[in-house]
C-alpha atoms as a PDB file:
ATOM      1  CA  MET A   1       0.000   0.000   0.000  1.00  0.00           C
ATOM      2  CA  ASP A   2       2.711   2.472   0.949  1.00  0.00           C
ATOM      3  CA  ALA A   3       4.440   2.053  -2.409  1.00  0.00           C
ATOM      4  CA  TRP A   4       1.300   2.677  -4.501  1.00  0.00           C
ATOM      5  CA  ALA A   5       1.698   5.520  -7.010  1.00  0.00           C
ATOM      6  CA  THR A   6       5.476   5.572  -6.543  1.00  0.00           C
ATOM      7  CA  PRO A   7       8.204   4.326  -8.886  1.00  0.00           C
ATOM      8  CA  ALA A   8       8.921   1.545  -6.368  1.00  0.00           C
ATOM      9  CA  PHE A   9       5.445  -0.039  -6.580  1.00  0.00           C
ATOM     10  CA  GLU A  10       6.297  -2.709  -9.162  1.00  0.00           C
ATOM     11  CA  ALA A  11       9.431  -3.887  -7.332  1.00  0.00           C
ATOM     12  CA  VAL A  12       7.693  -3.907  -3.931  1.00  0.00           C
ATOM     13  CA  PHE A  13       4.665  -5.745  -5.353  1.00  0.00           C
ATOM     14  CA  LYS A  14       6.809  -8.422  -7.028  1.00  0.00           C
ATOM     15  CA  ASP A  15       8.838  -8.937  -3.860  1.00  0.00           C
ATOM     16  CA  GLU A  16       5.795  -9.272  -1.617  1.00  0.00           C
ATOM     17  CA  VAL A  17       3.949 -11.636  -3.961  1.00  0.00           C
ATOM     18  CA  GLY A  18       7.111 -13.714  -4.361  1.00  0.00           C
ATOM     19  CA  ARG A  19       7.191 -14.258  -0.601  1.00  0.00           C
ATOM     20  CA  LEU A  20       3.557 -15.430  -0.351  1.00  0.00           C
ATOM     21  CA  GLY A  21       4.151 -19.012  -1.415  1.00  0.00           C
ATOM     22  CA  VAL A  22       1.911 -21.751  -2.753  1.00  0.00           C
ATOM     23  CA  GLU A  23      -0.380 -21.730   0.287  1.00  0.00           C
ATOM     24  CA  SER A  24      -1.530 -18.136  -0.292  1.00  0.00           C
ATOM     25  CA  LEU A  25      -1.804 -18.140  -4.078  1.00  0.00           C
ATOM     26  CA  PRO A  26      -4.074 -20.198  -6.369  1.00  0.00           C
ATOM     27  CA  LEU A  27      -1.134 -21.916  -8.066  1.00  0.00           C
ATOM     28  CA  GLN A  28      -2.351 -25.468  -7.448  1.00  0.00           C
ATOM     29  CA  GLN A  29      -5.689 -24.677  -9.124  1.00  0.00           C
ATOM     30  CA  ALA A  30      -3.917 -23.227 -12.174  1.00  0.00           C
ATOM     31  CA  LEU A  31      -1.779 -26.268 -13.011  1.00  0.00           C
ATOM     32  CA  SER A  32      -1.989 -27.362 -16.639  1.00  0.00           C
ATOM     33  CA  GLN A  33       1.017 -29.668 -17.149  1.00  0.00           C
ATOM     34  CA  SER A  34       1.800 -31.128 -13.745  1.00  0.00           C
ATOM     35  CA  SER A  35       0.101 -32.330 -10.586  1.00  0.00           C
ATOM     36  CA  HIS A  36       1.737 -30.444  -7.718  1.00  0.00           C
ATOM     37  CA  ALA A  37       2.594 -26.735  -7.509  1.00  0.00           C
ATOM     38  CA  ASN A  38       6.102 -25.969  -6.337  1.00  0.00           C
ATOM     39  CA  GLY A  39       6.560 -22.393  -5.164  1.00  0.00           C
ATOM     40  CA  ASP A  40      10.309 -22.621  -4.617  1.00  0.00           C
ATOM     41  CA  SER A  41      10.975 -20.366  -7.563  1.00  0.00           C
ATOM     42  CA  MET A  42       8.332 -17.909  -8.712  1.00  0.00           C
ATOM     43  CA  ASP A  43       8.701 -15.052 -11.141  1.00  0.00           C
ATOM     44  CA  VAL A  44       6.032 -12.370 -10.865  1.00  0.00           C
ATOM     45  CA  MET A  45       5.193 -10.136 -13.805  1.00  0.00           C
ATOM     46  CA  LEU A  46       3.075  -7.021 -13.305  1.00  0.00           C
ATOM     47  CA  ILE A  47       0.638  -6.803 -16.213  1.00  0.00           C
ATOM     48  CA  GLY A  48      -1.372  -3.790 -15.097  1.00  0.00           C
ATOM     49  CA  SER A  49      -2.634  -1.851 -12.125  1.00  0.00           C
ATOM     50  CA  SER A  50      -5.376   0.665 -11.478  1.00  0.00           C
ATOM     51  CA  GLU A  51      -7.030   2.522  -8.670  1.00  0.00           C
ATOM     52  CA  GLU A  52     -10.674   1.537  -8.255  1.00  0.00           C
ATOM     53  CA  PRO A  53     -13.153   2.894  -5.702  1.00  0.00           C
ATOM     54  CA  GLY A  54     -11.891   1.584  -2.369  1.00  0.00           C
ATOM     55  CA  CYS A  55      -9.154  -0.642  -3.752  1.00  0.00           C
ATOM     56  CA  ILE A  56      -6.057  -0.991  -5.847  1.00  0.00           C
ATOM     57  CA  ARG A  57      -6.488  -3.633  -8.543  1.00  0.00           C
ATOM     58  CA  VAL A  58      -3.400  -5.380  -9.872  1.00  0.00           C
ATOM     59  CA  ARG A  59      -3.239  -7.970 -12.624  1.00  0.00           C
ATOM     60  CA  ALA A  60      -0.149 -10.153 -12.541  1.00  0.00           C
ATOM     61  CA  GLY A  61       1.293 -13.169 -14.284  1.00  0.00           C
ATOM     62  CA  ILE A  62       3.109 -15.770 -12.232  1.00  0.00           C
ATOM     63  CA  PHE A  63       5.644 -18.218 -13.642  1.00  0.00           C
ATOM     64  CA  TYR A  64       6.352 -21.142 -11.328  1.00  0.00           C
ATOM     65  CA  THR A  65       7.174 -24.831 -11.461  1.00  0.00           C
ATOM     66  CA  GLY A  66       4.904 -27.798 -11.153  1.00  0.00           C
ATOM     67  CA  VAL A  67       6.021 -31.321 -10.426  1.00  0.00           C
ATOM     68  CA  ILE A  68       4.866 -34.761 -11.516  1.00  0.00           C
ATOM     69  CA  PRO A  69       6.369 -36.895  -8.770  1.00  0.00           C
ATOM     70  CA  GLY A  70       7.624 -40.410  -9.418  1.00  0.00           C
ATOM     71  CA  CYS A  71       7.802 -43.105  -6.789  1.00  0.00           C
ATOM     72  CA  ALA A  72      11.619 -42.792  -6.490  1.00  0.00           C
ATOM     73  CA  CYS A  73      12.024 -46.534  -7.016  1.00  0.00           C
ATOM     74  CA  ALA A  74      15.193 -47.781  -8.667  1.00  0.00           C
ATOM     75  CA  ASP A  75      13.262 -49.019 -11.694  1.00  0.00           C
ATOM     76  CA  ASP A  76      10.924 -46.011 -11.919  1.00  0.00           C
ATOM     77  CA  PRO A  77      11.130 -44.637 -15.472  1.00  0.00           C
ATOM     78  CA  ALA A  78       9.541 -41.343 -14.402  1.00  0.00           C
ATOM     79  CA  PRO A  79      11.508 -39.612 -11.662  1.00  0.00           C
ATOM     80  CA  ASP A  80      10.337 -36.223 -10.434  1.00  0.00           C
ATOM     81  CA  SER A  81       9.787 -34.029 -13.450  1.00  0.00           C
ATOM     82  CA  GLU A  82       9.484 -30.255 -13.236  1.00  0.00           C
ATOM     83  CA  TYR A  83       7.417 -28.246 -15.679  1.00  0.00           C
ATOM     84  CA  THR A  84       7.093 -24.505 -16.092  1.00  0.00           C
ATOM     85  CA  GLU A  85       3.579 -23.341 -15.245  1.00  0.00           C
ATOM     86  CA  TYR A  86       1.957 -19.940 -15.729  1.00  0.00           C
ATOM     87  CA  CYS A  87      -1.193 -18.290 -14.474  1.00  0.00           C
ATOM     88  CA  GLU A  88      -2.707 -14.840 -14.264  1.00  0.00           C
ATOM     89  CA  VAL A  89      -4.223 -13.538 -11.064  1.00  0.00           C
ATOM     90  CA  ARG A  90      -5.937 -10.386  -9.903  1.00  0.00           C
ATOM     91  CA  PHE A  91      -5.119  -8.796  -6.567  1.00  0.00           C
ATOM     92  CA  ASP A  92      -7.747  -6.492  -5.046  1.00  0.00           C
ATOM     93  CA  ILE A  93      -6.010  -4.545  -2.272  1.00  0.00           C
ATOM     94  CA  ASP A  94      -8.295  -2.673   0.138  1.00  0.00           C
ATOM     95  CA  ARG A  95      -7.181   0.961   0.368  1.00  0.00           C
ATOM     96  CA  GLU A  96      -7.962   1.252   4.087  1.00  0.00           C
ATOM     97  CA  THR A  97      -6.948  -2.101   5.546  1.00  0.00           C
ATOM     98  CA  ALA A  98      -4.559  -3.480   2.895  1.00  0.00           C
ATOM     99  CA  ALA A  99      -6.506  -6.763   3.075  1.00  0.00           C
ATOM    100  CA  THR A 100      -6.011  -8.470  -0.265  1.00  0.00           C
ATOM    101  CA  ARG A 101      -8.240 -10.826  -2.227  1.00  0.00           C
ATOM    102  CA  VAL A 102      -6.508 -12.958  -4.863  1.00  0.00           C
ATOM    103  CA  THR A 103      -8.534 -14.257  -7.813  1.00  0.00           C
ATOM    104  CA  LEU A 104      -7.308 -16.756 -10.409  1.00  0.00           C
ATOM    105  CA  LEU A 105      -8.187 -15.447 -13.855  1.00  0.00           C
ATOM    106  CA  PRO A 106      -9.317 -17.748 -16.640  1.00  0.00           C
ATOM    107  CA  GLY A 107      -6.424 -18.902 -18.771  1.00  0.00           C
END
């Protein structure tokens, strides 16, 4: 909130979203190539932002990895495989409380 309408907003937003992790973002629901979201490495891309009545609305793209786990057996032909996943989300940030609602956008 404090960085809104400053040159630092994009960097602050990316940093804060990058620290949220899989538990706070709808990454698992957005999987298209794998079965388990892995938030160890996320890259956040700010697509757009606007000031709406009562909130700041931010649209962002998130690149992250998804995993198709194998059984880790010696004869398993499919060990853990990582795939790049992508989704777009909308953040509605309340102007008074900074409470944020995250919505997965259709892909």
